[in-house]
PDB file of N, CA and C in Angstrom:
ATOM      1  N   UNK A   1      79.819 106.425 114.264  1.00  0.00           N
ATOM      2  CA  UNK A   1      81.019 106.332 113.695  1.00  0.00           C
ATOM      3  C   UNK A   1      82.310 106.864 114.218  1.00  0.00           C
ATOM      4  N   UNK A   2      81.985 107.761 115.271  1.00  0.00           N
ATOM      5  CA  UNK A   2      83.163 108.092 116.167  1.00  0.00           C
ATOM      6  C   UNK A   2      83.650 107.075 116.974  1.00  0.00           C
ATOM      7  N   UNK A   3      82.774 106.441 117.434  1.00  0.00           N
ATOM      8  CA  UNK A   3      82.922 105.263 118.243  1.00  0.00           C
ATOM      9  C   UNK A   3      83.798 104.013 117.711  1.00  0.00           C
ATOM     10  N   UNK A   4      83.384 103.944 116.345  1.00  0.00           N
ATOM     11  CA  UNK A   4      83.927 102.786 115.732  1.00  0.00           C
ATOM     12  C   UNK A   4      85.493 103.214 115.147  1.00  0.00           C
ATOM     13  N   UNK A   5      85.727 104.351 115.002  1.00  0.00           N
ATOM     14  CA  UNK A   5      87.130 104.821 114.674  1.00  0.00           C
ATOM     15  C   UNK A   5      88.046 105.543 115.626  1.00  0.00           C
ATOM     16  N   UNK A   6      87.404 105.103 117.048  1.00  0.00           N
ATOM     17  CA  UNK A   6      88.241 105.660 118.076  1.00  0.00           C
ATOM     18  C   UNK A   6      89.635 105.289 118.334  1.00  0.00           C
ATOM     19  N   UNK A   7      90.028 104.175 117.660  1.00  0.00           N
ATOM     20  CA  UNK A   7      91.338 103.475 117.918  1.00  0.00           C
ATOM     21  C   UNK A   7      92.022 103.736 116.619  1.00  0.00           C
ATOM     22  N   UNK A   8      91.642 104.399 115.566  1.00  0.00           N
ATOM     23  CA  UNK A   8      92.472 104.812 114.380  1.00  0.00           C
ATOM     24  C   UNK A   8      93.516 105.599 114.703  1.00  0.00           C
ATOM     25  N   UNK A   9      94.691 105.470 114.199  1.00  0.00           N
ATOM     26  CA  UNK A   9      95.814 106.400 114.477  1.00  0.00           C
ATOM     27  C   UNK A   9      96.350 106.600 113.194  1.00  0.00           C
ATOM     28  N   UNK A  10      96.170 107.886 112.718  1.00  0.00           N
ATOM     29  CA  UNK A  10      96.677 108.301 111.189  1.00  0.00           C
ATOM     30  C   UNK A  10      97.428 109.666 111.909  1.00  0.00           C
ATOM     31  N   UNK A  11      98.847 109.673 111.752  1.00  0.00           N
ATOM     32  CA  UNK A  11      99.363 110.936 112.100  1.00  0.00           C
ATOM     33  C   UNK A  11      98.926 112.129 111.312  1.00  0.00           C
ATOM     34  N   UNK A  12      98.638 112.000 110.118  1.00  0.00           N
ATOM     35  CA  UNK A  12      98.087 113.082 109.326  1.00  0.00           C
ATOM     36  C   UNK A  12      96.840 113.696 109.695  1.00  0.00           C
ATOM     37  N   UNK A  13      96.046 113.029 110.557  1.00  0.00           N
ATOM     38  CA  UNK A  13      94.792 113.486 111.121  1.00  0.00           C
ATOM     39  C   UNK A  13      94.995 113.988 112.573  1.00  0.00           C
ATOM     40  N   UNK A  14      96.084 114.001 113.098  1.00  0.00           N
ATOM     41  CA  UNK A  14      96.033 114.283 114.470  1.00  0.00           C
ATOM     42  C   UNK A  14      96.456 115.762 114.749  1.00  0.00           C
ATOM     43  N   UNK A  15      95.631 116.579 114.691  1.00  0.00           N
ATOM     44  CA  UNK A  15      95.465 117.929 114.819  1.00  0.00           C
ATOM     45  C   UNK A  15      95.558 118.464 116.251  1.00  0.00           C
ATOM     46  N   UNK A  16      95.588 117.676 117.223  1.00  0.00           N
ATOM     47  CA  UNK A  16      95.389 118.215 118.595  1.00  0.00           C
ATOM     48  C   UNK A  16      96.496 119.026 119.094  1.00  0.00           C
ATOM     49  N   UNK A  17      97.701 118.936 118.831  1.00  0.00           N
ATOM     50  CA  UNK A  17      98.703 119.581 119.220  1.00  0.00           C
ATOM     51  C   UNK A  17      98.718 121.332 118.537  1.00  0.00           C
ATOM     52  N   UNK A  18      98.405 121.161 117.101  1.00  0.00           N
ATOM     53  CA  UNK A  18      98.213 122.437 116.561  1.00  0.00           C
ATOM     54  C   UNK A  18      97.075 123.167 117.039  1.00  0.00           C
ATOM     55  N   UNK A  19      95.897 122.619 117.200  1.00  0.00           N
ATOM     56  CA  UNK A  19      94.818 123.201 117.806  1.00  0.00           C
ATOM     57  C   UNK A  19      95.242 123.892 119.071  1.00  0.00           C
ATOM     58  N   UNK A  20      95.846 122.981 119.918  1.00  0.00           N
ATOM     59  CA  UNK A  20      96.179 123.522 121.341  1.00  0.00           C
ATOM     60  C   UNK A  20      97.044 124.696 121.063  1.00  0.00           C
ATOM     61  N   UNK A  21      97.942 124.896 120.309  1.00  0.00           N
ATOM     62  CA  UNK A  21      98.837 125.991 119.952  1.00  0.00           C
ATOM     63  C   UNK A  21      97.912 127.097 119.555  1.00  0.00           C
ATOM     64  N   UNK A  22      96.989 126.855 118.775  1.00  0.00           N
ATOM     65  CA  UNK A  22      95.950 128.132 118.125  1.00  0.00           C
ATOM     66  C   UNK A  22      95.229 128.534 119.261  1.00  0.00           C
ATOM     67  N   UNK A  23      94.879 127.793 120.387  1.00  0.00           N
ATOM     68  CA  UNK A  23      94.150 128.317 121.452  1.00  0.00           C
ATOM     69  C   UNK A  23      94.958 129.349 122.178  1.00  0.00           C
ATOM     70  N   UNK A  24      96.287 128.814 122.500  1.00  0.00           N
ATOM     71  CA  UNK A  24      97.155 129.946 123.188  1.00  0.00           C
ATOM     72  C   UNK A  24      97.386 130.963 122.448  1.00  0.00           C
ATOM     73  N   UNK A  25      97.451 130.796 121.077  1.00  0.00           N
ATOM     74  CA  UNK A  25      97.694 132.104 120.183  1.00  0.00           C
ATOM     75  C   UNK A  25      96.651 132.856 120.357  1.00  0.00           C
ATOM     76  N   UNK A  26      95.295 132.520 120.308  1.00  0.00           N
ATOM     77  CA  UNK A  26      94.184 133.294 120.079  1.00  0.00           C
ATOM     78  C   UNK A  26      93.861 134.024 121.585  1.00  0.00           C
ATOM     79  N   UNK A  27      94.214 133.183 122.688  1.00  0.00           N
ATOM     80  CA  UNK A  27      94.260 133.928 124.221  1.00  0.00           C
ATOM     81  C   UNK A  27      95.134 135.046 124.403  1.00  0.00           C
ATOM     82  N   UNK A  28      96.448 134.673 123.934  1.00  0.00           N
ATOM     83  CA  UNK A  28      97.478 135.638 124.162  1.00  0.00           C
ATOM     84  C   UNK A  28      97.247 136.870 123.357  1.00  0.00           C
ATOM     85  N   UNK A  29      96.879 136.824 121.967  1.00  0.00           N
ATOM     86  CA  UNK A  29      96.658 137.799 121.312  1.00  0.00           C
ATOM     87  C   UNK A  29      95.316 138.682 121.745  1.00  0.00           C
ATOM     88  N   UNK A  30      94.248 137.989 122.234  1.00  0.00           N
ATOM     89  CA  UNK A  30      93.101 138.632 122.782  1.00  0.00           C
ATOM     90  C   UNK A  30      93.302 139.379 124.037  1.00  0.00           C
ATOM     91  N   UNK A  31      94.159 138.773 124.794  1.00  0.00           N
ATOM     92  CA  UNK A  31      94.601 139.604 126.065  1.00  0.00           C
ATOM     93  C   UNK A  31      95.367 141.040 125.748  1.00  0.00           C
ATOM     94  N   UNK A  32      96.400 140.620 124.874  1.00  0.00           N
ATOM     95  CA  UNK A  32      97.016 141.801 124.358  1.00  0.00           C
ATOM     96  C   UNK A  32      96.088 142.947 123.726  1.00  0.00           C
ATOM     97  N   UNK A  33      95.147 142.430 122.843  1.00  0.00           N
ATOM     98  CA  UNK A  33      94.343 143.562 122.245  1.00  0.00           C
ATOM     99  C   UNK A  33      93.546 144.290 123.292  1.00  0.00           C
ATOM    100  N   UNK A  34      92.821 143.442 124.330  1.00  0.00           N
ATOM    101  CA  UNK A  34      91.959 144.101 125.293  1.00  0.00           C
ATOM    102  C   UNK A  34      92.685 144.911 126.172  1.00  0.00           C
ATOM    103  N   UNK A  35      93.989 144.562 126.451  1.00  0.00           N
ATOM    104  CA  UNK A  35      94.860 145.542 127.279  1.00  0.00           C
ATOM    105  C   UNK A  35      95.233 146.731 126.714  1.00  0.00           C
ATOM    106  N   UNK A  36      95.776 146.611 125.456  1.00  0.00           N
ATOM    107  CA  UNK A  36      96.226 148.019 124.565  1.00  0.00           C
ATOM    108  C   UNK A  36      94.961 148.651 124.282  1.00  0.00           C
ATOM    109  N   UNK A  37      93.879 148.139 124.038  1.00  0.00           N
ATOM    110  CA  UNK A  37      92.481 148.854 123.857  1.00  0.00           C
ATOM    111  C   UNK A  37      92.335 149.659 124.782  1.00  0.00           C
ATOM    112  N   UNK A  38      92.297 149.119 126.209  1.00  0.00           N
ATOM    113  CA  UNK A  38      92.222 149.966 127.392  1.00  0.00           C
ATOM    114  C   UNK A  38      93.056 150.989 127.690  1.00  0.00           C
ATOM    115  N   UNK A  39      94.375 150.650 127.421  1.00  0.00           N
ATOM    116  CA  UNK A  39      95.200 151.768 127.614  1.00  0.00           C
ATOM    117  C   UNK A  39      95.245 152.831 126.637  1.00  0.00           C
ATOM    118  N   UNK A  40      94.964 152.515 125.306  1.00  0.00           N
ATOM    119  CA  UNK A  40      94.822 153.457 124.045  1.00  0.00           C
ATOM    120  C   UNK A  40      93.419 153.911 123.894  1.00  0.00           C
ATOM    121  N   UNK A  41      92.519 153.959 125.018  1.00  0.00           N
ATOM    122  CA  UNK A  41      91.154 154.284 124.662  1.00  0.00           C
ATOM    123  C   UNK A  41      91.024 155.754 124.342  1.00  0.00           C
ATOM    124  N   UNK A  42      92.195 156.648 124.766  1.00  0.00           N
ATOM    125  CA  UNK A  42      91.941 158.009 124.403  1.00  0.00           C
ATOM    126  C   UNK A  42      92.601 158.446 123.033  1.00  0.00           C
ATOM    127  N   UNK A  43      92.775 157.612 122.322  1.00  0.00           N
ATOM    128  CA  UNK A  43      93.557 157.671 120.841  1.00  0.00           C
ATOM    129  C   UNK A  43      92.799 156.534 119.750  1.00  0.00           C
ATOM    130  N   UNK A  44      91.687 156.651 119.664  1.00  0.00           N
ATOM    131  CA  UNK A  44      90.846 155.757 118.972  1.00  0.00           C
ATOM    132  C   UNK A  44      91.478 155.245 117.551  1.00  0.00           C
ATOM    133  N   UNK A  45      92.179 156.241 116.841  1.00  0.00           N
ATOM    134  CA  UNK A  45      92.798 155.849 115.690  1.00  0.00           C
ATOM    135  C   UNK A  45      93.888 154.771 115.851  1.00  0.00           C
ATOM    136  N   UNK A  46      94.749 155.007 116.670  1.00  0.00           N
ATOM    137  CA  UNK A  46      95.877 154.065 116.941  1.00  0.00           C
ATOM    138  C   UNK A  46      95.305 152.716 117.619  1.00  0.00           C
ATOM    139  N   UNK A  47      94.485 153.058 118.467  1.00  0.00           N
ATOM    140  CA  UNK A  47      93.775 151.762 118.953  1.00  0.00           C
ATOM    141  C   UNK A  47      93.246 150.873 117.789  1.00  0.00           C
ATOM    142  N   UNK A  48      92.403 151.309 116.970  1.00  0.00           N
ATOM    143  CA  UNK A  48      91.943 150.789 115.877  1.00  0.00           C
ATOM    144  C   UNK A  48      93.014 149.941 114.914  1.00  0.00           C
ATOM    145  N   UNK A  49      94.091 150.686 114.758  1.00  0.00           N
ATOM    146  CA  UNK A  49      95.243 150.180 113.787  1.00  0.00           C
ATOM    147  C   UNK A  49      95.861 148.960 114.496  1.00  0.00           C
ATOM    148  N   UNK A  50      95.992 149.167 115.786  1.00  0.00           N
ATOM    149  CA  UNK A  50      96.700 147.990 116.687  1.00  0.00           C
ATOM    150  C   UNK A  50      95.701 146.938 116.832  1.00  0.00           C
ATOM    151  N   UNK A  51      94.385 147.143 117.074  1.00  0.00           N
ATOM    152  CA  UNK A  51      93.491 145.990 117.187  1.00  0.00           C
ATOM    153  C   UNK A  51      93.434 145.112 115.873  1.00  0.00           C
ATOM    154  N   UNK A  52      93.177 145.821 114.909  1.00  0.00           N
ATOM    155  CA  UNK A  52      93.082 145.342 113.542  1.00  0.00           C
ATOM    156  C   UNK A  52      94.329 144.390 113.129  1.00  0.00           C
ATOM    157  N   UNK A  53      95.450 145.147 113.403  1.00  0.00           N
ATOM    158  CA  UNK A  53      96.610 144.309 112.991  1.00  0.00           C
ATOM    159  C   UNK A  53      96.903 143.056 113.935  1.00  0.00           C
ATOM    160  N   UNK A  54      96.468 143.119 115.191  1.00  0.00           N
ATOM    161  CA  UNK A  54      96.573 141.891 116.094  1.00  0.00           C
ATOM    162  C   UNK A  54      95.618 140.815 115.746  1.00  0.00           C
ATOM    163  N   UNK A  55      94.615 141.295 114.997  1.00  0.00           N
ATOM    164  CA  UNK A  55      93.381 140.357 114.645  1.00  0.00           C
ATOM    165  C   UNK A  55      93.898 139.755 113.421  1.00  0.00           C
ATOM    166  N   UNK A  56      94.430 140.412 112.469  1.00  0.00           N
ATOM    167  CA  UNK A  56      95.015 139.966 111.355  1.00  0.00           C
ATOM    168  C   UNK A  56      96.380 138.906 111.713  1.00  0.00           C
ATOM    169  N   UNK A  57      96.970 139.304 112.491  1.00  0.00           N
ATOM    170  CA  UNK A  57      98.220 138.456 112.893  1.00  0.00           C
ATOM    171  C   UNK A  57      97.648 137.257 113.262  1.00  0.00           C
ATOM    172  N   UNK A  58      96.806 137.351 114.302  1.00  0.00           N
ATOM    173  CA  UNK A  58      96.314 136.124 114.957  1.00  0.00           C
ATOM    174  C   UNK A  58      95.543 135.103 113.978  1.00  0.00           C
ATOM    175  N   UNK A  59      94.809 135.491 113.225  1.00  0.00           N
ATOM    176  CA  UNK A  59      94.135 134.865 112.011  1.00  0.00           C
ATOM    177  C   UNK A  59      95.271 134.142 111.142  1.00  0.00           C
ATOM    178  N   UNK A  60      96.125 135.033 110.668  1.00  0.00           N
ATOM    179  CA  UNK A  60      97.056 134.579 109.882  1.00  0.00           C
ATOM    180  C   UNK A  60      97.994 133.429 110.450  1.00  0.00           C
ATOM    181  N   UNK A  61      98.386 133.518 111.884  1.00  0.00           N
ATOM    182  CA  UNK A  61      98.906 132.687 112.392  1.00  0.00           C
ATOM    183  C   UNK A  61      98.137 131.347 112.651  1.00  0.00           C
ATOM    184  N   UNK A  62      97.020 131.407 112.988  1.00  0.00           N
ATOM    185  CA  UNK A  62      95.995 130.333 113.283  1.00  0.00           C
ATOM    186  C   UNK A  62      96.012 129.576 112.019  1.00  0.00           C
ATOM    187  N   UNK A  63      95.867 130.245 110.752  1.00  0.00           N
ATOM    188  CA  UNK A  63      95.510 129.346 109.538  1.00  0.00           C
ATOM    189  C   UNK A  63      96.907 128.712 109.105  1.00  0.00           C
ATOM    190  N   UNK A  64      98.168 129.486 109.350  1.00  0.00           N
ATOM    191  CA  UNK A  64      99.520 128.835 109.219  1.00  0.00           C
ATOM    192  C   UNK A  64      99.656 127.571 110.028  1.00  0.00           C
ATOM    193  N   UNK A  65      99.426 127.705 111.274  1.00  0.00           N
ATOM    194  CA  UNK A  65      99.503 126.612 112.261  1.00  0.00           C
ATOM    195  C   UNK A  65      98.673 125.388 111.789  1.00  0.00           C
ATOM    196  N   UNK A  66      97.689 125.591 111.200  1.00  0.00           N
ATOM    197  CA  UNK A  66      96.861 124.541 111.204  1.00  0.00           C
ATOM    198  C   UNK A  66      97.102 123.765 109.538  1.00  0.00           C
ATOM    199  N   UNK A  67      97.399 124.507 108.692  1.00  0.00           N
ATOM    200  CA  UNK A  67      97.606 124.059 107.297  1.00  0.00           C
ATOM    201  C   UNK A  67      99.002 123.970 106.771  1.00  0.00           C
ATOM    202  N   UNK A  68      99.887 124.779 107.135  1.00  0.00           N
ATOM    203  CA  UNK A  68     101.309 124.668 106.880  1.00  0.00           C
ATOM    204  C   UNK A  68     101.890 123.160 107.022  1.00  0.00           C
ATOM    205  N   UNK A  69     101.658 122.534 108.343  1.00  0.00           N
ATOM    206  CA  UNK A  69     101.904 121.150 108.327  1.00  0.00           C
ATOM    207  C   UNK A  69     101.556 120.001 107.587  1.00  0.00           C
ATOM    208  N   UNK A  70     100.423 120.312 107.087  1.00  0.00           N
ATOM    209  CA  UNK A  70      99.709 119.359 106.161  1.00  0.00           C
ATOM    210  C   UNK A  70     100.428 119.587 104.803  1.00  0.00           C
ATOM    211  N   UNK A  71     100.946 120.578 104.349  1.00  0.00           N
ATOM    212  CA  UNK A  71     101.504 120.632 102.960  1.00  0.00           C
ATOM    213  C   UNK A  71     102.800 120.179 102.997  1.00  0.00           C
ATOM    214  N   UNK A  72     103.490 120.181 104.048  1.00  0.00           N
ATOM    215  CA  UNK A  72     105.029 119.544 104.069  1.00  0.00           C
ATOM    216  C   UNK A  72     104.726 118.116 104.326  1.00  0.00           C
TER     217      UNK A  72
END
C-alpha cells in the first residue's frame, strides 16, 4: 500500500516539517533537562520541579506543533 501511494501529494498529510521540529524540540529540552539535573543534583526538590516542568512543556509543544496546524 505504501508503494502504491508513494506519489500521492496531499498537503494536509505532509507532516514531515512538523515532525522534524518536534525532534529538535525533544532533543533540545532533553539536553537542558539532563544538564540542569546534573547541576542541581544537590537540590533534589528544585531538580524535580524543573525536570517535570520541562517535560510538560516539551510534551505540550510537541502536541501543539503536530495538531494546531491541522485545525487551522
